[in-house]
C-alpha atoms as a PDB file:
ATOM      1  CA  UNK A   1     166.926 117.308 132.726  1.00  0.00           C
ATOM      2  CA  UNK A   2     164.395 116.064 129.870  1.00  0.00           C
ATOM      3  CA  UNK A   3     165.089 117.154 126.368  1.00  0.00           C
ATOM      4  CA  UNK A   4     162.418 118.404 124.404  1.00  0.00           C
ATOM      5  CA  UNK A   5     161.511 116.280 121.309  1.00  0.00           C
ATOM      6  CA  UNK A   6     162.725 117.198 117.848  1.00  0.00           C
ATOM      7  CA  UNK A   7     160.043 118.695 115.463  1.00  0.00           C
ATOM      8  CA  UNK A   8     158.730 116.228 113.295  1.00  0.00           C
ATOM      9  CA  UNK A   9     157.687 116.737 109.683  1.00  0.00           C
ATOM     10  CA  UNK A  10     154.201 116.410 108.162  1.00  0.00           C
ATOM     11  CA  UNK A  11     153.907 113.669 105.590  1.00  0.00           C
ATOM     12  CA  UNK A  12     151.605 112.975 102.757  1.00  0.00           C
ATOM     13  CA  UNK A  13     151.933 109.111 101.827  1.00  0.00           C
ATOM     14  CA  UNK A  14     150.494 107.494  98.563  1.00  0.00           C
ATOM     15  CA  UNK A  15     149.371 103.936  99.691  1.00  0.00           C
ATOM     16  CA  UNK A  16     147.524 103.015  96.639  1.00  0.00           C
ATOM     17  CA  UNK A  17     146.025  99.758  97.198  1.00  0.00           C
ATOM     18  CA  UNK A  18     146.699  96.736  99.704  1.00  0.00           C
ATOM     19  CA  UNK A  19     148.700  94.822  97.369  1.00  0.00           C
ATOM     20  CA  UNK A  20     151.366  97.628  97.120  1.00  0.00           C
ATOM     21  CA  UNK A  21     152.422  96.284 100.424  1.00  0.00           C
ATOM     22  CA  UNK A  22     153.898  93.330  98.692  1.00  0.00           C
ATOM     23  CA  UNK A  23     156.015  95.788  96.280  1.00  0.00           C
ATOM     24  CA  UNK A  24     159.763  95.146  97.372  1.00  0.00           C
ATOM     25  CA  UNK A  25     160.926  98.512  95.878  1.00  0.00           C
ATOM     26  CA  UNK A  26     157.985 100.642  97.479  1.00  0.00           C
ATOM     27  CA  UNK A  27     158.345  99.042 100.695  1.00  0.00           C
ATOM     28  CA  UNK A  28     161.757  99.435 101.045  1.00  0.00           C
ATOM     29  CA  UNK A  29     161.474 103.277 100.117  1.00  0.00           C
ATOM     30  CA  UNK A  30     158.813 103.471 102.840  1.00  0.00           C
ATOM     31  CA  UNK A  31     161.434 101.807 105.489  1.00  0.00           C
ATOM     32  CA  UNK A  32     164.569 104.022 104.621  1.00  0.00           C
ATOM     33  CA  UNK A  33     162.286 107.277 104.678  1.00  0.00           C
ATOM     34  CA  UNK A  34     160.980 106.296 108.199  1.00  0.00           C
ATOM     35  CA  UNK A  35     164.668 105.551 109.279  1.00  0.00           C
ATOM     36  CA  UNK A  36     165.541 108.722 108.194  1.00  0.00           C
ATOM     37  CA  UNK A  37     162.829 110.705 109.920  1.00  0.00           C
ATOM     38  CA  UNK A  38     163.577 108.897 113.282  1.00  0.00           C
ATOM     39  CA  UNK A  39     161.296 107.965 116.102  1.00  0.00           C
ATOM     40  CA  UNK A  40     158.405 110.093 116.950  1.00  0.00           C
ATOM     41  CA  UNK A  41     156.746 110.346 120.475  1.00  0.00           C
ATOM     42  CA  UNK A  42     153.321 109.140 118.669  1.00  0.00           C
ATOM     43  CA  UNK A  43     151.914 109.014 115.174  1.00  0.00           C
ATOM     44  CA  UNK A  44     148.580 110.622 114.409  1.00  0.00           C
ATOM     45  CA  UNK A  45     147.239 110.028 110.876  1.00  0.00           C
ATOM     46  CA  UNK A  46     144.456 110.782 108.524  1.00  0.00           C
ATOM     47  CA  UNK A  47     143.320 108.533 105.523  1.00  0.00           C
ATOM     48  CA  UNK A  48     141.198 108.466 102.280  1.00  0.00           C
ATOM     49  CA  UNK A  49     139.045 105.633 103.756  1.00  0.00           C
ATOM     50  CA  UNK A  50     137.416 107.652 106.640  1.00  0.00           C
ATOM     51  CA  UNK A  51     135.356 110.577 105.994  1.00  0.00           C
ATOM     52  CA  UNK A  52     133.319 112.129 108.976  1.00  0.00           C
ATOM     53  CA  UNK A  53     132.247 115.354 110.260  1.00  0.00           C
ATOM     54  CA  UNK A  54     132.668 116.348 112.860  1.00  0.00           C
ATOM     55  CA  UNK A  55     135.943 115.311 113.342  1.00  0.00           C
ATOM     56  CA  UNK A  56     135.803 111.689 114.876  1.00  0.00           C
ATOM     57  CA  UNK A  57     138.751 110.130 117.136  1.00  0.00           C
ATOM     58  CA  UNK A  58     139.378 106.722 116.446  1.00  0.00           C
ATOM     59  CA  UNK A  59     140.215 103.818 119.015  1.00  0.00           C
ATOM     60  CA  UNK A  60     142.528 105.055 121.689  1.00  0.00           C
ATOM     61  CA  UNK A  61     143.366 101.181 122.536  1.00  0.00           C
ATOM     62  CA  UNK A  62     144.504  98.314 120.548  1.00  0.00           C
ATOM     63  CA  UNK A  63     141.436  96.944 118.670  1.00  0.00           C
ATOM     64  CA  UNK A  64     141.167  95.306 115.271  1.00  0.00           C
ATOM     65  CA  UNK A  65     142.386  96.386 112.181  1.00  0.00           C
ATOM     66  CA  UNK A  66     139.636  97.311 109.540  1.00  0.00           C
ATOM     67  CA  UNK A  67     140.520  95.050 106.620  1.00  0.00           C
ATOM     68  CA  UNK A  68     138.181  97.548 104.920  1.00  0.00           C
ATOM     69  CA  UNK A  69     138.542  96.284 101.274  1.00  0.00           C
ATOM     70  CA  UNK A  70     137.665  93.169  98.976  1.00  0.00           C
ATOM     71  CA  UNK A  71     138.953  91.407  95.691  1.00  0.00           C
ATOM     72  CA  UNK A  72     142.263  90.730  96.867  1.00  0.00           C
ATOM     73  CA  UNK A  73     143.763  87.887  97.850  1.00  0.00           C
ATOM     74  CA  UNK A  74     143.304  86.805 101.613  1.00  0.00           C
ATOM     75  CA  UNK A  75     147.017  87.418 102.666  1.00  0.00           C
ATOM     76  CA  UNK A  76     146.037  90.888 102.726  1.00  0.00           C
ATOM     77  CA  UNK A  77     143.151  90.257 105.190  1.00  0.00           C
ATOM     78  CA  UNK A  78     145.759  88.757 107.957  1.00  0.00           C
ATOM     79  CA  UNK A  79     147.714  91.670 108.067  1.00  0.00           C
ATOM     80  CA  UNK A  80     148.262  92.885 111.268  1.00  0.00           C
ATOM     81  CA  UNK A  81     149.733  95.868 112.963  1.00  0.00           C
ATOM     82  CA  UNK A  82     149.425  96.011 116.909  1.00  0.00           C
ATOM     83  CA  UNK A  83     150.701  99.171 117.605  1.00  0.00           C
ATOM     84  CA  UNK A  84     149.634 100.962 121.169  1.00  0.00           C
ATOM     85  CA  UNK A  85     146.756 103.333 121.597  1.00  0.00           C
ATOM     86  CA  UNK A  86     147.342 106.831 122.122  1.00  0.00           C
ATOM     87  CA  UNK A  87     144.839 108.232 124.640  1.00  0.00           C
ATOM     88  CA  UNK A  88     146.783 111.139 125.897  1.00  0.00           C
ATOM     89  CA  UNK A  89     147.600 112.352 122.089  1.00  0.00           C
ATOM     90  CA  UNK A  90     143.539 112.122 121.712  1.00  0.00           C
ATOM     91  CA  UNK A  91     143.362 114.250 124.426  1.00  0.00           C
ATOM     92  CA  UNK A  92     145.257 116.645 123.138  1.00  0.00           C
ATOM     93  CA  UNK A  93     143.799 116.746 119.702  1.00  0.00           C
ATOM     94  CA  UNK A  94     140.563 117.433 121.239  1.00  0.00           C
ATOM     95  CA  UNK A  95     141.839 120.494 123.229  1.00  0.00           C
ATOM     96  CA  UNK A  96     143.481 121.653 120.114  1.00  0.00           C
ATOM     97  CA  UNK A  97     140.339 121.465 117.877  1.00  0.00           C
ATOM     98  CA  UNK A  98     137.807 122.511 120.356  1.00  0.00           C
ATOM     99  CA  UNK A  99     140.298 125.650 121.124  1.00  0.00           C
ATOM    100  CA  UNK A 100     139.216 126.615 117.323  1.00  0.00           C
ATOM    101  CA  UNK A 101     135.468 125.939 117.970  1.00  0.00           C
ATOM    102  CA  UNK A 102     135.306 122.793 116.557  1.00  0.00           C
ATOM    103  CA  UNK A 103     133.175 120.321 117.871  1.00  0.00           C
ATOM    104  CA  UNK A 104     135.058 116.609 118.097  1.00  0.00           C
ATOM    105  CA  UNK A 105     133.234 113.280 118.169  1.00  0.00           C
ATOM    106  CA  UNK A 106     134.617 110.065 119.106  1.00  0.00           C
ATOM    107  CA  UNK A 107     134.594 106.202 117.852  1.00  0.00           C
ATOM    108  CA  UNK A 108     136.371 104.135 120.397  1.00  0.00           C
ATOM    109  CA  UNK A 109     135.670 101.026 118.337  1.00  0.00           C
ATOM    110  CA  UNK A 110     137.273 102.177 115.162  1.00  0.00           C
ATOM    111  CA  UNK A 111     140.687 100.455 114.434  1.00  0.00           C
ATOM    112  CA  UNK A 112     143.104 101.621 111.844  1.00  0.00           C
ATOM    113  CA  UNK A 113     142.022 101.154 108.365  1.00  0.00           C
ATOM    114  CA  UNK A 114     144.134  99.886 105.517  1.00  0.00           C
ATOM    115  CA  UNK A 115     145.071 103.700 104.722  1.00  0.00           C
ATOM    116  CA  UNK A 116     146.619 103.984 107.915  1.00  0.00           C
ATOM    117  CA  UNK A 117     148.263 100.430 108.732  1.00  0.00           C
ATOM    118  CA  UNK A 118     149.449  99.696 105.236  1.00  0.00           C
ATOM    119  CA  UNK A 119     152.101 102.419 105.103  1.00  0.00           C
ATOM    120  CA  UNK A 120     152.692 102.269 108.710  1.00  0.00           C
ATOM    121  CA  UNK A 121     153.868  98.730 108.825  1.00  0.00           C
ATOM    122  CA  UNK A 122     156.956  99.952 106.790  1.00  0.00           C
ATOM    123  CA  UNK A 123     157.304 103.537 107.759  1.00  0.00           C
ATOM    124  CA  UNK A 124     157.052 102.466 111.483  1.00  0.00           C
ATOM    125  CA  UNK A 125     157.682  98.798 111.553  1.00  0.00           C
ATOM    126  CA  UNK A 126     158.729  98.459 115.352  1.00  0.00           C
ATOM    127  CA  UNK A 127     154.920  98.681 116.148  1.00  0.00           C
ATOM    128  CA  UNK A 128     155.879 100.080 119.620  1.00  0.00           C
ATOM    129  CA  UNK A 129     154.966 103.919 118.524  1.00  0.00           C
ATOM    130  CA  UNK A 130     151.481 104.969 119.872  1.00  0.00           C
ATOM    131  CA  UNK A 131     149.108 105.660 116.914  1.00  0.00           C
ATOM    132  CA  UNK A 132     146.058 107.648 116.457  1.00  0.00           C
ATOM    133  CA  UNK A 133     143.618 108.013 113.630  1.00  0.00           C
ATOM    134  CA  UNK A 134     141.212 110.619 113.118  1.00  0.00           C
ATOM    135  CA  UNK A 135     138.663 111.249 110.408  1.00  0.00           C
ATOM    136  CA  UNK A 136     138.707 113.511 107.122  1.00  0.00           C
ATOM    137  CA  UNK A 137     136.205 116.233 107.997  1.00  0.00           C
ATOM    138  CA  UNK A 138     135.426 116.721 104.184  1.00  0.00           C
ATOM    139  CA  UNK A 139     136.976 116.159 100.529  1.00  0.00           C
ATOM    140  CA  UNK A 140     137.232 119.829 100.069  1.00  0.00           C
ATOM    141  CA  UNK A 141     140.305 122.064 100.525  1.00  0.00           C
ATOM    142  CA  UNK A 142     139.370 124.458 103.513  1.00  0.00           C
ATOM    143  CA  UNK A 143     138.357 122.316 106.470  1.00  0.00           C
ATOM    144  CA  UNK A 144     141.142 119.621 105.694  1.00  0.00           C
ATOM    145  CA  UNK A 145     143.506 122.301 105.499  1.00  0.00           C
ATOM    146  CA  UNK A 146     142.388 124.316 108.704  1.00  0.00           C
ATOM    147  CA  UNK A 147     142.469 120.696 110.405  1.00  0.00           C
ATOM    148  CA  UNK A 148     146.200 120.458 109.621  1.00  0.00           C
ATOM    149  CA  UNK A 149     146.968 124.036 110.899  1.00  0.00           C
ATOM    150  CA  UNK A 150     145.163 123.317 114.056  1.00  0.00           C
ATOM    151  CA  UNK A 151     147.084 120.255 114.816  1.00  0.00           C
ATOM    152  CA  UNK A 152     150.483 121.582 113.741  1.00  0.00           C
ATOM    153  CA  UNK A 153     151.372 122.138 117.044  1.00  0.00           C
ATOM    154  CA  UNK A 154     151.655 118.609 117.826  1.00  0.00           C
ATOM    155  CA  UNK A 155     154.980 118.462 115.489  1.00  0.00           C
ATOM    156  CA  UNK A 156     157.017 120.414 117.999  1.00  0.00           C
ATOM    157  CA  UNK A 157     155.819 117.795 120.661  1.00  0.00           C
ATOM    158  CA  UNK A 158     157.514 115.106 118.438  1.00  0.00           C
ATOM    159  CA  UNK A 159     154.143 113.655 116.820  1.00  0.00           C
ATOM    160  CA  UNK A 160     154.446 112.740 113.240  1.00  0.00           C
ATOM    161  CA  UNK A 161     151.550 113.895 111.313  1.00  0.00           C
ATOM    162  CA  UNK A 162     150.563 111.918 108.063  1.00  0.00           C
ATOM    163  CA  UNK A 163     147.878 112.214 105.557  1.00  0.00           C
ATOM    164  CA  UNK A 164     147.465 108.906 103.696  1.00  0.00           C
ATOM    165  CA  UNK A 165     146.060 109.103 100.193  1.00  0.00           C
ATOM    166  CA  UNK A 166     147.514 108.427  96.571  1.00  0.00           C
ATOM    167  CA  UNK A 167     149.035 111.224  94.351  1.00  0.00           C
ATOM    168  CA  UNK A 168     146.742 109.524  91.566  1.00  0.00           C
ATOM    169  CA  UNK A 169     143.859 107.248  92.260  1.00  0.00           C
ATOM    170  CA  UNK A 170     141.393 105.961  89.566  1.00  0.00           C
ATOM    171  CA  UNK A 171     140.868 102.027  90.583  1.00  0.00           C
ATOM    172  CA  UNK A 172     138.792 101.876  87.421  1.00  0.00           C
ATOM    173  CA  UNK A 173     141.237 102.981  84.713  1.00  0.00           C
ATOM    174  CA  UNK A 174     144.540 102.951  86.696  1.00  0.00           C
ATOM    175  CA  UNK A 175     145.628  99.033  86.223  1.00  0.00           C
ATOM    176  CA  UNK A 176     147.346  99.110  83.011  1.00  0.00           C
ATOM    177  CA  UNK A 177     150.704  97.741  81.485  1.00  0.00           C
ATOM    178  CA  UNK A 178     152.083 100.937  81.424  1.00  0.00           C
ATOM    179  CA  UNK A 179     151.765 104.288  82.995  1.00  0.00           C
ATOM    180  CA  UNK A 180     148.733 106.396  81.155  1.00  0.00           C
ATOM    181  CA  UNK A 181     149.421 109.880  79.929  1.00  0.00           C
ATOM    182  CA  UNK A 182     146.742 111.088  82.570  1.00  0.00           C
ATOM    183  CA  UNK A 183     148.799 109.757  85.335  1.00  0.00           C
ATOM    184  CA  UNK A 184     152.011 111.301  84.146  1.00  0.00           C
ATOM    185  CA  UNK A 185     150.019 114.633  83.657  1.00  0.00           C
ATOM    186  CA  UNK A 186     148.872 115.109  86.838  1.00  0.00           C
ATOM    187  CA  UNK A 187     151.598 113.788  88.567  1.00  0.00           C
ATOM    188  CA  UNK A 188     154.099 116.036  86.576  1.00  0.00           C
ATOM    189  CA  UNK A 189     151.705 119.130  87.539  1.00  0.00           C
ATOM    190  CA  UNK A 190     151.646 117.995  91.340  1.00  0.00           C
ATOM    191  CA  UNK A 191     155.482 117.715  91.554  1.00  0.00           C
ATOM    192  CA  UNK A 192     156.160 121.233  90.003  1.00  0.00           C
ATOM    193  CA  UNK A 193     153.821 122.673  92.365  1.00  0.00           C
ATOM    194  CA  UNK A 194     155.504 120.996  95.233  1.00  0.00           C
ATOM    195  CA  UNK A 195     158.661 122.135  93.790  1.00  0.00           C
ATOM    196  CA  UNK A 196     158.058 125.771  93.776  1.00  0.00           C
ATOM    197  CA  UNK A 197     156.033 125.404  96.977  1.00  0.00           C
ATOM    198  CA  UNK A 198     152.787 126.554  95.640  1.00  0.00           C
ATOM    199  CA  UNK A 199     150.241 125.624  97.990  1.00  0.00           C
ATOM    200  CA  UNK A 200     147.532 127.351  96.357  1.00  0.00           C
ATOM    201  CA  UNK A 201     147.762 125.553  93.466  1.00  0.00           C
ATOM    202  CA  UNK A 202     147.755 122.230  95.123  1.00  0.00           C
ATOM    203  CA  UNK A 203     144.410 123.624  97.034  1.00  0.00           C
ATOM    204  CA  UNK A 204     143.048 124.481  93.833  1.00  0.00           C
ATOM    205  CA  UNK A 205     143.364 121.148  92.234  1.00  0.00           C
ATOM    206  CA  UNK A 206     140.108 121.537  90.547  1.00  0.00           C
ATOM    207  CA  UNK A 207     142.232 123.364  87.730  1.00  0.00           C
ATOM    208  CA  UNK A 208     144.826 120.826  87.572  1.00  0.00           C
ATOM    209  CA  UNK A 209     145.346 118.898  84.379  1.00  0.00           C
ATOM    210  CA  UNK A 210     143.782 115.479  83.858  1.00  0.00           C
ATOM    211  CA  UNK A 211     142.181 115.805  87.553  1.00  0.00           C
ATOM    212  CA  UNK A 212     139.020 114.095  86.664  1.00  0.00           C
ATOM    213  CA  UNK A 213     141.002 110.876  85.555  1.00  0.00           C
ATOM    214  CA  UNK A 214     143.622 111.136  88.213  1.00  0.00           C
ATOM    215  CA  UNK A 215     140.918 111.687  90.965  1.00  0.00           C
ATOM    216  CA  UNK A 216     137.249 110.814  89.735  1.00  0.00           C
ATOM    217  CA  UNK A 217     136.629 111.605  93.631  1.00  0.00           C
ATOM    218  CA  UNK A 218     139.249 113.673  95.624  1.00  0.00           C
ATOM    219  CA  UNK A 219     139.133 111.214  98.821  1.00  0.00           C
ATOM    220  CA  UNK A 220     142.718 110.107  98.020  1.00  0.00           C
ATOM    221  CA  UNK A 221     144.021 113.462  97.338  1.00  0.00           C
ATOM    222  CA  UNK A 222     142.573 115.112 100.199  1.00  0.00           C
ATOM    223  CA  UNK A 223     145.116 114.099 102.787  1.00  0.00           C
ATOM    224  CA  UNK A 224     147.486 116.428 100.764  1.00  0.00           C
ATOM    225  CA  UNK A 225     145.585 119.165 102.094  1.00  0.00           C
ATOM    226  CA  UNK A 226     145.908 118.122 105.774  1.00  0.00           C
ATOM    227  CA  UNK A 227     149.804 117.745 105.183  1.00  0.00           C
ATOM    228  CA  UNK A 228     150.153 121.046 103.895  1.00  0.00           C
ATOM    229  CA  UNK A 229     147.962 122.674 106.669  1.00  0.00           C
ATOM    230  CA  UNK A 230     150.443 121.122 108.948  1.00  0.00           C
ATOM    231  CA  UNK A 231     152.989 122.896 107.316  1.00  0.00           C
ATOM    232  CA  UNK A 232     151.296 126.155 106.787  1.00  0.00           C
ATOM    233  CA  UNK A 233     152.904 128.152 109.916  1.00  0.00           C
ATOM    234  CA  UNK A 234     156.258 126.030 109.941  1.00  0.00           C
ATOM    235  CA  UNK A 235     158.051 127.064 106.807  1.00  0.00           C
ATOM    236  CA  UNK A 236     160.462 124.248 105.768  1.00  0.00           C
ATOM    237  CA  UNK A 237     161.524 122.587 102.768  1.00  0.00           C
ATOM    238  CA  UNK A 238     159.084 120.297 100.606  1.00  0.00           C
ATOM    239  CA  UNK A 239     160.593 117.203  99.404  1.00  0.00           C
ATOM    240  CA  UNK A 240     159.306 113.837  97.353  1.00  0.00           C
ATOM    241  CA  UNK A 241     161.316 111.071  98.913  1.00  0.00           C
ATOM    242  CA  UNK A 242     159.057 108.463  96.790  1.00  0.00           C
ATOM    243  CA  UNK A 243     158.085 109.089  93.197  1.00  0.00           C
ATOM    244  CA  UNK A 244     157.375 106.845  90.379  1.00  0.00           C
ATOM    245  CA  UNK A 245     154.344 104.549  89.546  1.00  0.00           C
ATOM    246  CA  UNK A 246     152.715 101.511  90.511  1.00  0.00           C
ATOM    247  CA  UNK A 247     150.455  99.030  88.278  1.00  0.00           C
ATOM    248  CA  UNK A 248     150.629 101.788  85.689  1.00  0.00           C
ATOM    249  CA  UNK A 249     148.269 104.286  86.855  1.00  0.00           C
ATOM    250  CA  UNK A 250     148.822 104.906  90.638  1.00  0.00           C
ATOM    251  CA  UNK A 251     151.380 107.388  91.289  1.00  0.00           C
ATOM    252  CA  UNK A 252     153.811 106.793  94.327  1.00  0.00           C
ATOM    253  CA  UNK A 253     154.602 110.336  94.863  1.00  0.00           C
ATOM    254  CA  UNK A 254     154.986 111.129  98.611  1.00  0.00           C
ATOM    255  CA  UNK A 255     155.869 114.374 100.371  1.00  0.00           C
ATOM    256  CA  UNK A 256     157.614 115.711 103.280  1.00  0.00           C
ATOM    257  CA  UNK A 257     156.958 119.029 104.631  1.00  0.00           C
ATOM    258  CA  UNK A 258     159.598 120.181 106.804  1.00  0.00           C
END
């Protein structure tokens, strides 16, 4: 008699920039978090680094990673994450989205970008869990939140849903010796909204303090809406397993829904 897979949580993971992978504190926090969650049947991830509408399904076979950055040491260009593809999950994603009237596209040559593989190297370091990346349809709340809601049933099939971005992301002003006030102000606001379960506030981020400094563009914040949407119809605790700052202005705050 087969046992039904355990319901997986939905996550928002702050991945910052590629060198965060060399930070021993952050990587150990990710490893511990992944171990506490347990092994999913598959992972479905959206990242700040792929925006495309209609929602597009990435590679379902193991293809080269997208080292989609420059200006960092060559060792970050040599990173590998040889996880198997997830063709069955891709078909399930398509079915769920088409049932809502959404059109779905495919890009079978697009490998995982660094917003996906950098955190997964530590959250799921065994490299044997099938991984599928799909695109963010926008960087405004409604379609991203709706995407999470539409795909929420996958959680009961053992699929770990992840939105990967950064709770603050200002690469021009973020690298500082001390954490700047604007980063603290925004991160504190987000932490308080999460603590009280105020999803409406998280969706209306344009009203948040210091939002223009914390997010000159909302691409790294938008994956939070995906994770929140995936939890909308499955009430559960909201926790922040990782907090703190990196390189001054980059908040590491990451969120678990459920």
